[in-house]
Amino acid sequence: MTDKVRIRIVGRSGVETAAEGALGASLMETIRKHGFDELLAICGGCCSCATCHVFVDPGSAQGLPEMSWEEEMLLEGSSHFCDRSRLSCQIKLAPEHEGLRVVIAPED
């Protein structure tokens, strides 16, 4: 068994990058580690801003945790909020996230 999962990250330019994330790491940390500086993550992952907003590909969304009301309230303030919106800081990578594909949301 491996301690990593493979994910795909699409930056704002539209370029898709294959990446590996450590199990238990946040999706936000993994995206930043792979050089996507456009994901600002200003609050550092404490769910108090929405600068780590991503769109999750519905075909790869299996196993994601339910959205908390705090996460939903922050995302609803975004002009880009949709049914695929998530805060990447609120997703801890787990084996069921193998193949997860996310698109970094436009900046508000």
PDB file of N, CA and C in Angstrom:
ATOM      1  N   MET A   1       0.842  -1.182   0.000  1.00  0.00           N
ATOM      2  CA  MET A   1       0.000   0.000   0.000  1.00  0.00           C
ATOM      3  C   MET A   1       0.888   1.245   0.000  1.00  0.00           C
ATOM      4  N   THR A   2       0.500   2.231  -0.784  1.00  0.00           N
ATOM      5  CA  THR A   2       1.276   3.458  -0.886  1.00  0.00           C
ATOM      6  C   THR A   2       0.746   4.511   0.086  1.00  0.00           C
ATOM      7  N   ASP A   3       1.579   5.462   0.416  1.00  0.00           N
ATOM      8  CA  ASP A   3       1.168   6.539   1.321  1.00  0.00           C
ATOM      9  C   ASP A   3       0.857   7.820   0.556  1.00  0.00           C
ATOM     10  N   LYS A   4       0.630   7.681  -0.746  1.00  0.00           N
ATOM     11  CA  LYS A   4       0.324   8.830  -1.600  1.00  0.00           C
ATOM     12  C   LYS A   4      -0.848   8.501  -2.522  1.00  0.00           C
ATOM     13  N   VAL A   5      -1.492   9.564  -3.002  1.00  0.00           N
ATOM     14  CA  VAL A   5      -2.529   9.411  -4.022  1.00  0.00           C
ATOM     15  C   VAL A   5      -2.158  10.306  -5.200  1.00  0.00           C
ATOM     16  N   ARG A   6      -2.568   9.863  -6.378  1.00  0.00           N
ATOM     17  CA  ARG A   6      -2.343  10.660  -7.588  1.00  0.00           C
ATOM     18  C   ARG A   6      -3.581  11.517  -7.823  1.00  0.00           C
ATOM     19  N   ILE A   7      -3.337  12.790  -8.076  1.00  0.00           N
ATOM     20  CA  ILE A   7      -4.413  13.724  -8.369  1.00  0.00           C
ATOM     21  C   ILE A   7      -4.046  14.528  -9.604  1.00  0.00           C
ATOM     22  N   ARG A   8      -5.019  15.268 -10.138  1.00  0.00           N
ATOM     23  CA  ARG A   8      -4.768  16.143 -11.281  1.00  0.00           C
ATOM     24  C   ARG A   8      -5.237  17.542 -10.911  1.00  0.00           C
ATOM     25  N   ILE A   9      -4.377  18.513 -11.185  1.00  0.00           N
ATOM     26  CA  ILE A   9      -4.642  19.897 -10.842  1.00  0.00           C
ATOM     27  C   ILE A   9      -4.637  20.717 -12.122  1.00  0.00           C
ATOM     28  N   VAL A  10      -5.703  21.495 -12.338  1.00  0.00           N
ATOM     29  CA  VAL A  10      -5.781  22.381 -13.493  1.00  0.00           C
ATOM     30  C   VAL A  10      -5.650  23.805 -12.986  1.00  0.00           C
ATOM     31  N   GLY A  11      -4.610  24.493 -13.452  1.00  0.00           N
ATOM     32  CA  GLY A  11      -4.385  25.878 -13.049  1.00  0.00           C
ATOM     33  C   GLY A  11      -5.294  26.822 -13.810  1.00  0.00           C
ATOM     34  N   ARG A  12      -5.246  28.076 -13.436  1.00  0.00           N
ATOM     35  CA  ARG A  12      -6.087  29.082 -14.094  1.00  0.00           C
ATOM     36  C   ARG A  12      -5.752  29.262 -15.566  1.00  0.00           C
ATOM     37  N   SER A  13      -4.552  28.888 -15.965  1.00  0.00           N
ATOM     38  CA  SER A  13      -4.168  28.984 -17.372  1.00  0.00           C
ATOM     39  C   SER A  13      -4.780  27.857 -18.197  1.00  0.00           C
ATOM     40  N   GLY A  14      -5.339  26.846 -17.513  1.00  0.00           N
ATOM     41  CA  GLY A  14      -5.916  25.701 -18.202  1.00  0.00           C
ATOM     42  C   GLY A  14      -4.974  24.525 -18.323  1.00  0.00           C
ATOM     43  N   VAL A  15      -3.735  24.682 -17.884  1.00  0.00           N
ATOM     44  CA  VAL A  15      -2.758  23.593 -17.955  1.00  0.00           C
ATOM     45  C   VAL A  15      -3.038  22.596 -16.825  1.00  0.00           C
ATOM     46  N   GLU A  16      -3.117  21.328 -17.196  1.00  0.00           N
ATOM     47  CA  GLU A  16      -3.374  20.264 -16.227  1.00  0.00           C
ATOM     48  C   GLU A  16      -2.064  19.585 -15.861  1.00  0.00           C
ATOM     49  N   THR A  17      -1.871  19.381 -14.565  1.00  0.00           N
ATOM     50  CA  THR A  17      -0.651  18.778 -14.048  1.00  0.00           C
ATOM     51  C   THR A  17      -0.995  17.559 -13.208  1.00  0.00           C
ATOM     52  N   ALA A  18      -0.313  16.457 -13.458  1.00  0.00           N
ATOM     53  CA  ALA A  18      -0.441  15.277 -12.603  1.00  0.00           C
ATOM     54  C   ALA A  18       0.421  15.505 -11.373  1.00  0.00           C
ATOM     55  N   ALA A  19      -0.091  15.133 -10.211  1.00  0.00           N
ATOM     56  CA  ALA A  19       0.639  15.370  -8.967  1.00  0.00           C
ATOM     57  C   ALA A  19       0.387  14.207  -8.013  1.00  0.00           C
ATOM     58  N   GLU A  20       1.240  14.112  -7.005  1.00  0.00           N
ATOM     59  CA  GLU A  20       1.040  13.145  -5.933  1.00  0.00           C
ATOM     60  C   GLU A  20       0.915  13.911  -4.628  1.00  0.00           C
ATOM     61  N   GLY A  21      -0.006  13.455  -3.808  1.00  0.00           N
ATOM     62  CA  GLY A  21      -0.190  14.060  -2.503  1.00  0.00           C
ATOM     63  C   GLY A  21      -0.098  13.007  -1.423  1.00  0.00           C
ATOM     64  N   ALA A  22       0.483  13.383  -0.296  1.00  0.00           N
ATOM     65  CA  ALA A  22       0.618  12.461   0.826  1.00  0.00           C
ATOM     66  C   ALA A  22      -0.734  12.251   1.498  1.00  0.00           C
ATOM     67  N   LEU A  23      -1.009  11.013   1.855  1.00  0.00           N
ATOM     68  CA  LEU A  23      -2.238  10.719   2.585  1.00  0.00           C
ATOM     69  C   LEU A  23      -2.254  11.539   3.868  1.00  0.00           C
ATOM     70  N   GLY A  24      -3.392  12.161   4.151  1.00  0.00           N
ATOM     71  CA  GLY A  24      -3.531  12.985   5.347  1.00  0.00           C
ATOM     72  C   GLY A  24      -3.200  14.446   5.139  1.00  0.00           C
ATOM     73  N   ALA A  25      -2.492  14.764   4.054  1.00  0.00           N
ATOM     74  CA  ALA A  25      -2.183  16.166   3.752  1.00  0.00           C
ATOM     75  C   ALA A  25      -3.432  16.823   3.180  1.00  0.00           C
ATOM     76  N   SER A  26      -3.524  18.125   3.355  1.00  0.00           N
ATOM     77  CA  SER A  26      -4.671  18.805   2.754  1.00  0.00           C
ATOM     78  C   SER A  26      -4.438  18.960   1.255  1.00  0.00           C
ATOM     79  N   LEU A  27      -5.530  18.998   0.537  1.00  0.00           N
ATOM     80  CA  LEU A  27      -5.457  19.245  -0.901  1.00  0.00           C
ATOM     81  C   LEU A  27      -4.790  20.594  -1.151  1.00  0.00           C
ATOM     82  N   MET A  28      -5.086  21.586  -0.329  1.00  0.00           N
ATOM     83  CA  MET A  28      -4.481  22.903  -0.464  1.00  0.00           C
ATOM     84  C   MET A  28      -2.951  22.820  -0.379  1.00  0.00           C
ATOM     85  N   GLU A  29      -2.444  22.131   0.622  1.00  0.00           N
ATOM     86  CA  GLU A  29      -0.995  21.986   0.787  1.00  0.00           C
ATOM     87  C   GLU A  29      -0.381  21.308  -0.433  1.00  0.00           C
ATOM     88  N   THR A  30      -1.062  20.302  -0.945  1.00  0.00           N
ATOM     89  CA  THR A  30      -0.563  19.564  -2.095  1.00  0.00           C
ATOM     90  C   THR A  30      -0.524  20.446  -3.338  1.00  0.00           C
ATOM     91  N   ILE A  31      -1.574  21.224  -3.553  1.00  0.00           N
ATOM     92  CA  ILE A  31      -1.613  22.122  -4.710  1.00  0.00           C
ATOM     93  C   ILE A  31      -0.482  23.146  -4.615  1.00  0.00           C
ATOM     94  N   ARG A  32      -0.298  23.747  -3.452  1.00  0.00           N
ATOM     95  CA  ARG A  32       0.763  24.753  -3.270  1.00  0.00           C
ATOM     96  C   ARG A  32       2.148  24.113  -3.436  1.00  0.00           C
ATOM     97  N   LYS A  33       2.314  22.907  -2.907  1.00  0.00           N
ATOM     98  CA  LYS A  33       3.602  22.209  -3.002  1.00  0.00           C
ATOM     99  C   LYS A  33       4.004  21.970  -4.458  1.00  0.00           C
ATOM    100  N   HIS A  34       3.005  21.835  -5.326  1.00  0.00           N
ATOM    101  CA  HIS A  34       3.278  21.584  -6.736  1.00  0.00           C
ATOM    102  C   HIS A  34       3.368  22.871  -7.553  1.00  0.00           C
ATOM    103  N   GLY A  35       3.565  23.997  -6.888  1.00  0.00           N
ATOM    104  CA  GLY A  35       3.907  25.242  -7.570  1.00  0.00           C
ATOM    105  C   GLY A  35       2.748  26.090  -8.059  1.00  0.00           C
ATOM    106  N   PHE A  36       1.545  25.817  -7.600  1.00  0.00           N
ATOM    107  CA  PHE A  36       0.394  26.608  -8.031  1.00  0.00           C
ATOM    108  C   PHE A  36       0.223  27.794  -7.082  1.00  0.00           C
ATOM    109  N   ASP A  37       1.025  28.819  -7.299  1.00  0.00           N
ATOM    110  CA  ASP A  37       1.002  29.999  -6.439  1.00  0.00           C
ATOM    111  C   ASP A  37      -0.270  30.813  -6.594  1.00  0.00           C
ATOM    112  N   GLU A  38      -1.033  30.574  -7.653  1.00  0.00           N
ATOM    113  CA  GLU A  38      -2.289  31.305  -7.833  1.00  0.00           C
ATOM    114  C   GLU A  38      -3.327  30.894  -6.784  1.00  0.00           C
ATOM    115  N   LEU A  39      -3.136  29.761  -6.141  1.00  0.00           N
ATOM    116  CA  LEU A  39      -3.990  29.355  -5.026  1.00  0.00           C
ATOM    117  C   LEU A  39      -3.396  30.026  -3.787  1.00  0.00           C
ATOM    118  N   LEU A  40      -3.953  31.163  -3.403  1.00  0.00           N
ATOM    119  CA  LEU A  40      -3.335  32.009  -2.381  1.00  0.00           C
ATOM    120  C   LEU A  40      -3.329  31.400  -0.986  1.00  0.00           C
ATOM    121  N   ALA A  41      -4.431  30.785  -0.577  1.00  0.00           N
ATOM    122  CA  ALA A  41      -4.505  30.145   0.743  1.00  0.00           C
ATOM    123  C   ALA A  41      -4.044  31.102   1.844  1.00  0.00           C
ATOM    124  N   ILE A  42      -4.596  32.281   1.847  1.00  0.00           N
ATOM    125  CA  ILE A  42      -4.170  33.348   2.750  1.00  0.00           C
ATOM    126  C   ILE A  42      -4.274  32.950   4.221  1.00  0.00           C
ATOM    127  N   CYS A  43      -5.329  32.245   4.607  1.00  0.00           N
ATOM    128  CA  CYS A  43      -5.505  31.907   6.031  1.00  0.00           C
ATOM    129  C   CYS A  43      -4.672  30.699   6.456  1.00  0.00           C
ATOM    130  N   GLY A  44      -3.979  30.076   5.521  1.00  0.00           N
ATOM    131  CA  GLY A  44      -3.123  28.951   5.856  1.00  0.00           C
ATOM    132  C   GLY A  44      -3.854  27.647   6.127  1.00  0.00           C
ATOM    133  N   GLY A  45      -5.130  27.605   5.805  1.00  0.00           N
ATOM    134  CA  GLY A  45      -5.864  26.359   5.942  1.00  0.00           C
ATOM    135  C   GLY A  45      -6.787  26.279   7.141  1.00  0.00           C
ATOM    136  N   CYS A  46      -7.108  27.414   7.756  1.00  0.00           N
ATOM    137  CA  CYS A  46      -7.973  27.353   8.949  1.00  0.00           C
ATOM    138  C   CYS A  46      -9.426  27.696   8.642  1.00  0.00           C
ATOM    139  N   CYS A  47      -9.822  27.639   7.384  1.00  0.00           N
ATOM    140  CA  CYS A  47     -11.211  27.821   6.962  1.00  0.00           C
ATOM    141  C   CYS A  47     -11.759  29.179   7.392  1.00  0.00           C
ATOM    142  N   SER A  48     -10.978  30.241   7.093  1.00  0.00           N
ATOM    143  CA  SER A  48     -11.462  31.578   7.426  1.00  0.00           C
ATOM    144  C   SER A  48     -11.406  32.527   6.234  1.00  0.00           C
ATOM    145  N   CYS A  49     -11.085  32.000   5.064  1.00  0.00           N
ATOM    146  CA  CYS A  49     -11.130  32.788   3.831  1.00  0.00           C
ATOM    147  C   CYS A  49     -11.569  31.824   2.728  1.00  0.00           C
ATOM    148  N   ALA A  50     -11.600  32.265   1.520  1.00  0.00           N
ATOM    149  CA  ALA A  50     -11.971  31.361   0.424  1.00  0.00           C
ATOM    150  C   ALA A  50     -10.949  31.436  -0.697  1.00  0.00           C
ATOM    151  N   THR A  51      -9.703  31.713  -0.344  1.00  0.00           N
ATOM    152  CA  THR A  51      -8.668  31.877  -1.372  1.00  0.00           C
ATOM    153  C   THR A  51      -8.029  30.558  -1.789  1.00  0.00           C
ATOM    154  N   CYS A  52      -8.586  29.440  -1.328  1.00  0.00           N
ATOM    155  CA  CYS A  52      -8.133  28.118  -1.796  1.00  0.00           C
ATOM    156  C   CYS A  52      -9.279  27.402  -2.503  1.00  0.00           C
ATOM    157  N   HIS A  53     -10.177  28.187  -3.076  1.00  0.00           N
ATOM    158  CA  HIS A  53     -11.377  27.690  -3.761  1.00  0.00           C
ATOM    159  C   HIS A  53     -10.988  26.887  -5.003  1.00  0.00           C
ATOM    160  N   VAL A  54     -11.542  25.695  -5.108  1.00  0.00           N
ATOM    161  CA  VAL A  54     -11.352  24.849  -6.290  1.00  0.00           C
ATOM    162  C   VAL A  54     -12.702  24.310  -6.731  1.00  0.00           C
ATOM    163  N   PHE A  55     -12.750  23.868  -7.984  1.00  0.00           N
ATOM    164  CA  PHE A  55     -13.902  23.147  -8.516  1.00  0.00           C
ATOM    165  C   PHE A  55     -13.492  21.684  -8.631  1.00  0.00           C
ATOM    166  N   VAL A  56     -14.265  20.807  -8.049  1.00  0.00           N
ATOM    167  CA  VAL A  56     -13.970  19.374  -8.081  1.00  0.00           C
ATOM    168  C   VAL A  56     -14.701  18.751  -9.260  1.00  0.00           C
ATOM    169  N   ASP A  57     -13.965  18.021 -10.077  1.00  0.00           N
ATOM    170  CA  ASP A  57     -14.561  17.301 -11.199  1.00  0.00           C
ATOM    171  C   ASP A  57     -15.544  16.277 -10.635  1.00  0.00           C
ATOM    172  N   PRO A  58     -16.818  16.348 -11.046  1.00  0.00           N
ATOM    173  CA  PRO A  58     -17.818  15.429 -10.485  1.00  0.00           C
ATOM    174  C   PRO A  58     -17.492  13.955 -10.702  1.00  0.00           C
ATOM    175  N   GLY A  59     -16.775  13.635 -11.744  1.00  0.00           N
ATOM    176  CA  GLY A  59     -16.418  12.247 -12.007  1.00  0.00           C
ATOM    177  C   GLY A  59     -15.349  11.700 -11.080  1.00  0.00           C
ATOM    178  N   SER A  60     -14.747  12.581 -10.282  1.00  0.00           N
ATOM    179  CA  SER A  60     -13.686  12.124  -9.384  1.00  0.00           C
ATOM    180  C   SER A  60     -13.955  12.543  -7.941  1.00  0.00           C
ATOM    181  N   ALA A  61     -15.186  12.896  -7.622  1.00  0.00           N
ATOM    182  CA  ALA A  61     -15.519  13.446  -6.307  1.00  0.00           C
ATOM    183  C   ALA A  61     -15.864  12.390  -5.253  1.00  0.00           C
ATOM    184  N   GLN A  62     -15.701  11.118  -5.578  1.00  0.00           N
ATOM    185  CA  GLN A  62     -16.061  10.075  -4.624  1.00  0.00           C
ATOM    186  C   GLN A  62     -15.202  10.187  -3.360  1.00  0.00           C
ATOM    187  N   GLY A  63     -15.831   9.956  -2.231  1.00  0.00           N
ATOM    188  CA  GLY A  63     -15.098   9.923  -0.970  1.00  0.00           C
ATOM    189  C   GLY A  63     -14.791  11.270  -0.352  1.00  0.00           C
ATOM    190  N   LEU A  64     -15.279  12.358  -0.940  1.00  0.00           N
ATOM    191  CA  LEU A  64     -15.015  13.661  -0.337  1.00  0.00           C
ATOM    192  C   LEU A  64     -15.858  13.834   0.915  1.00  0.00           C
ATOM    193  N   PRO A  65     -15.314  14.493   1.927  1.00  0.00           N
ATOM    194  CA  PRO A  65     -16.115  14.729   3.128  1.00  0.00           C
ATOM    195  C   PRO A  65     -17.249  15.702   2.824  1.00  0.00           C
ATOM    196  N   GLU A  66     -18.287  15.648   3.632  1.00  0.00           N
ATOM    197  CA  GLU A  66     -19.384  16.598   3.496  1.00  0.00           C
ATOM    198  C   GLU A  66     -18.855  18.007   3.770  1.00  0.00           C
ATOM    199  N   MET A  67     -19.437  18.978   3.116  1.00  0.00           N
ATOM    200  CA  MET A  67     -19.052  20.359   3.316  1.00  0.00           C
ATOM    201  C   MET A  67     -19.627  20.838   4.654  1.00  0.00           C
ATOM    202  N   SER A  68     -18.786  21.461   5.465  1.00  0.00           N
ATOM    203  CA  SER A  68     -19.265  22.028   6.729  1.00  0.00           C
ATOM    204  C   SER A  68     -20.021  23.331   6.444  1.00  0.00           C
ATOM    205  N   TRP A  69     -20.792  23.788   7.416  1.00  0.00           N
ATOM    206  CA  TRP A  69     -21.527  25.039   7.202  1.00  0.00           C
ATOM    207  C   TRP A  69     -20.568  26.208   7.090  1.00  0.00           C
ATOM    208  N   GLU A  70     -19.417  26.163   7.796  1.00  0.00           N
ATOM    209  CA  GLU A  70     -18.424  27.229   7.694  1.00  0.00           C
ATOM    210  C   GLU A  70     -17.871  27.318   6.268  1.00  0.00           C
ATOM    211  N   GLU A  71     -17.540  26.159   5.714  1.00  0.00           N
ATOM    212  CA  GLU A  71     -17.026  26.119   4.350  1.00  0.00           C
ATOM    213  C   GLU A  71     -18.074  26.648   3.370  1.00  0.00           C
ATOM    214  N   GLU A  72     -19.302  26.201   3.529  1.00  0.00           N
ATOM    215  CA  GLU A  72     -20.368  26.635   2.633  1.00  0.00           C
ATOM    216  C   GLU A  72     -20.599  28.144   2.720  1.00  0.00           C
ATOM    217  N   MET A  73     -20.578  28.698   3.931  1.00  0.00           N
ATOM    218  CA  MET A  73     -20.782  30.144   4.111  1.00  0.00           C
ATOM    219  C   MET A  73     -19.676  30.940   3.412  1.00  0.00           C
ATOM    220  N   LEU A  74     -18.443  30.494   3.537  1.00  0.00           N
ATOM    221  CA  LEU A  74     -17.334  31.185   2.874  1.00  0.00           C
ATOM    222  C   LEU A  74     -17.459  31.104   1.357  1.00  0.00           C
ATOM    223  N   LEU A  75     -17.788  29.932   0.855  1.00  0.00           N
ATOM    224  CA  LEU A  75     -17.889  29.749  -0.588  1.00  0.00           C
ATOM    225  C   LEU A  75     -19.064  30.503  -1.193  1.00  0.00           C
ATOM    226  N   GLU A  76     -20.165  30.593  -0.464  1.00  0.00           N
ATOM    227  CA  GLU A  76     -21.331  31.311  -0.984  1.00  0.00           C
ATOM    228  C   GLU A  76     -21.033  32.780  -1.233  1.00  0.00           C
ATOM    229  N   GLY A  77     -20.010  33.313  -0.587  1.00  0.00           N
ATOM    230  CA  GLY A  77     -19.607  34.704  -0.805  1.00  0.00           C
ATOM    231  C   GLY A  77     -18.797  34.909  -2.072  1.00  0.00           C
ATOM    232  N   SER A  78     -18.425  33.825  -2.727  1.00  0.00           N
ATOM    233  CA  SER A  78     -17.640  33.917  -3.959  1.00  0.00           C
ATOM    234  C   SER A  78     -18.562  34.111  -5.157  1.00  0.00           C
ATOM    235  N   SER A  79     -18.159  34.979  -6.049  1.00  0.00           N
ATOM    236  CA  SER A  79     -18.950  35.163  -7.272  1.00  0.00           C
ATOM    237  C   SER A  79     -18.813  33.964  -8.213  1.00  0.00           C
ATOM    238  N   HIS A  80     -17.933  33.019  -7.889  1.00  0.00           N
ATOM    239  CA  HIS A  80     -17.710  31.831  -8.718  1.00  0.00           C
ATOM    240  C   HIS A  80     -18.245  30.557  -8.059  1.00  0.00           C
ATOM    241  N   PHE A  81     -19.014  30.704  -6.985  1.00  0.00           N
ATOM    242  CA  PHE A  81     -19.560  29.557  -6.264  1.00  0.00           C
ATOM    243  C   PHE A  81     -20.487  28.739  -7.164  1.00  0.00           C
ATOM    244  N   CYS A  82     -20.323  27.416  -7.129  1.00  0.00           N
ATOM    245  CA  CYS A  82     -21.206  26.511  -7.871  1.00  0.00           C
ATOM    246  C   CYS A  82     -21.287  25.184  -7.120  1.00  0.00           C
ATOM    247  N   ASP A  83     -22.012  24.235  -7.650  1.00  0.00           N
ATOM    248  CA  ASP A  83     -22.192  22.954  -6.967  1.00  0.00           C
ATOM    249  C   ASP A  83     -20.927  22.103  -6.936  1.00  0.00           C
ATOM    250  N   ARG A  84     -19.890  22.500  -7.655  1.00  0.00           N
ATOM    251  CA  ARG A  84     -18.608  21.770  -7.641  1.00  0.00           C
ATOM    252  C   ARG A  84     -17.571  22.448  -6.754  1.00  0.00           C
ATOM    253  N   SER A  85     -17.947  23.563  -6.105  1.00  0.00           N
ATOM    254  CA  SER A  85     -17.022  24.352  -5.300  1.00  0.00           C
ATOM    255  C   SER A  85     -16.657  23.654  -3.993  1.00  0.00           C
ATOM    256  N   ARG A  86     -15.386  23.746  -3.645  1.00  0.00           N
ATOM    257  CA  ARG A  86     -14.880  23.286  -2.344  1.00  0.00           C
ATOM    258  C   ARG A  86     -13.699  24.155  -1.962  1.00  0.00           C
ATOM    259  N   LEU A  87     -13.444  24.232  -0.657  1.00  0.00           N
ATOM    260  CA  LEU A  87     -12.213  24.834  -0.167  1.00  0.00           C
ATOM    261  C   LEU A  87     -11.196  23.709  -0.071  1.00  0.00           C
ATOM    262  N   SER A  88     -10.086  23.862  -0.760  1.00  0.00           N
ATOM    263  CA  SER A  88      -9.104  22.772  -0.794  1.00  0.00           C
ATOM    264  C   SER A  88      -8.461  22.526   0.571  1.00  0.00           C
ATOM    265  N   CYS A  89      -8.518  23.506   1.474  1.00  0.00           N
ATOM    266  CA  CYS A  89      -7.958  23.298   2.813  1.00  0.00           C
ATOM    267  C   CYS A  89      -8.802  22.336   3.638  1.00  0.00           C
ATOM    268  N   GLN A  90     -10.041  22.097   3.242  1.00  0.00           N
ATOM    269  CA  GLN A  90     -10.953  21.260   4.010  1.00  0.00           C
ATOM    270  C   GLN A  90     -10.993  19.811   3.525  1.00  0.00           C
ATOM    271  N   ILE A  91     -10.149  19.489   2.561  1.00  0.00           N
ATOM    272  CA  ILE A  91     -10.102  18.123   2.031  1.00  0.00           C
ATOM    273  C   ILE A  91      -8.754  17.507   2.388  1.00  0.00           C
ATOM    274  N   LYS A  92      -8.786  16.507   3.261  1.00  0.00           N
ATOM    275  CA  LYS A  92      -7.583  15.748   3.614  1.00  0.00           C
ATOM    276  C   LYS A  92      -7.519  14.550   2.672  1.00  0.00           C
ATOM    277  N   LEU A  93      -6.394  14.383   2.025  1.00  0.00           N
ATOM    278  CA  LEU A  93      -6.259  13.318   1.030  1.00  0.00           C
ATOM    279  C   LEU A  93      -6.315  11.940   1.680  1.00  0.00           C
ATOM    280  N   ALA A  94      -7.090  11.073   1.058  1.00  0.00           N
ATOM    281  CA  ALA A  94      -7.304   9.700   1.530  1.00  0.00           C
ATOM    282  C   ALA A  94      -7.238   8.770   0.324  1.00  0.00           C
ATOM    283  N   PRO A  95      -7.087   7.468   0.539  1.00  0.00           N
ATOM    284  CA  PRO A  95      -6.969   6.529  -0.584  1.00  0.00           C
ATOM    285  C   PRO A  95      -8.098   6.645  -1.601  1.00  0.00           C
ATOM    286  N   GLU A  96      -9.311   6.944  -1.148  1.00  0.00           N
ATOM    287  CA  GLU A  96     -10.439   7.048  -2.073  1.00  0.00           C
ATOM    288  C   GLU A  96     -10.364   8.273  -2.974  1.00  0.00           C
ATOM    289  N   HIS A  97      -9.393   9.148  -2.759  1.00  0.00           N
ATOM    290  CA  HIS A  97      -9.232  10.333  -3.605  1.00  0.00           C
ATOM    291  C   HIS A  97      -8.277  10.093  -4.776  1.00  0.00           C
ATOM    292  N   GLU A  98      -7.829   8.867  -4.942  1.00  0.00           N
ATOM    293  CA  GLU A  98      -6.987   8.520  -6.092  1.00  0.00           C
ATOM    294  C   GLU A  98      -7.701   8.960  -7.368  1.00  0.00           C
ATOM    295  N   GLY A  99      -7.020   9.760  -8.190  1.00  0.00           N
ATOM    296  CA  GLY A  99      -7.591  10.232  -9.445  1.00  0.00           C
ATOM    297  C   GLY A  99      -8.398  11.512  -9.325  1.00  0.00           C
ATOM    298  N   LEU A 100      -8.452  12.092  -8.131  1.00  0.00           N
ATOM    299  CA  LEU A 100      -9.188  13.349  -7.934  1.00  0.00           C
ATOM    300  C   LEU A 100      -8.668  14.401  -8.908  1.00  0.00           C
ATOM    301  N   ARG A 101      -9.601  15.131  -9.525  1.00  0.00           N
ATOM    302  CA  ARG A 101      -9.244  16.199 -10.469  1.00  0.00           C
ATOM    303  C   ARG A 101      -9.913  17.482 -10.009  1.00  0.00           C
ATOM    304  N   VAL A 102      -9.109  18.524  -9.847  1.00  0.00           N
ATOM    305  CA  VAL A 102      -9.633  19.815  -9.413  1.00  0.00           C
ATOM    306  C   VAL A 102      -9.133  20.926 -10.332  1.00  0.00           C
ATOM    307  N   VAL A 103      -9.963  21.961 -10.428  1.00  0.00           N
ATOM    308  CA  VAL A 103      -9.626  23.152 -11.197  1.00  0.00           C
ATOM    309  C   VAL A 103      -9.577  24.310 -10.214  1.00  0.00           C
ATOM    310  N   ILE A 104      -8.503  25.070 -10.239  1.00  0.00           N
ATOM    311  CA  ILE A 104      -8.407  26.234  -9.359  1.00  0.00           C
ATOM    312  C   ILE A 104      -9.389  27.284  -9.834  1.00  0.00           C
ATOM    313  N   ALA A 105     -10.248  27.734  -8.927  1.00  0.00           N
ATOM    314  CA  ALA A 105     -11.292  28.698  -9.263  1.00  0.00           C
ATOM    315  C   ALA A 105     -10.687  30.070  -9.595  1.00  0.00           C
ATOM    316  N   PRO A 106     -11.381  30.836 -10.414  1.00  0.00           N
ATOM    317  CA  PRO A 106     -10.913  32.202 -10.692  1.00  0.00           C
ATOM    318  C   PRO A 106     -10.853  33.017  -9.404  1.00  0.00           C
ATOM    319  N   GLU A 107      -9.980  33.988  -9.380  1.00  0.00           N
ATOM    320  CA  GLU A 107      -9.844  34.838  -8.197  1.00  0.00           C
ATOM    321  C   GLU A 107     -11.032  35.791  -8.128  1.00  0.00           C
ATOM    322  N   ASP A 108     -11.542  35.990  -6.920  1.00  0.00           N
ATOM    323  CA  ASP A 108     -12.645  36.952  -6.722  1.00  0.00           C
ATOM    324  C   ASP A 108     -12.106  38.358  -6.632  1.00  0.00           C
TER     325      ASP A 108
END
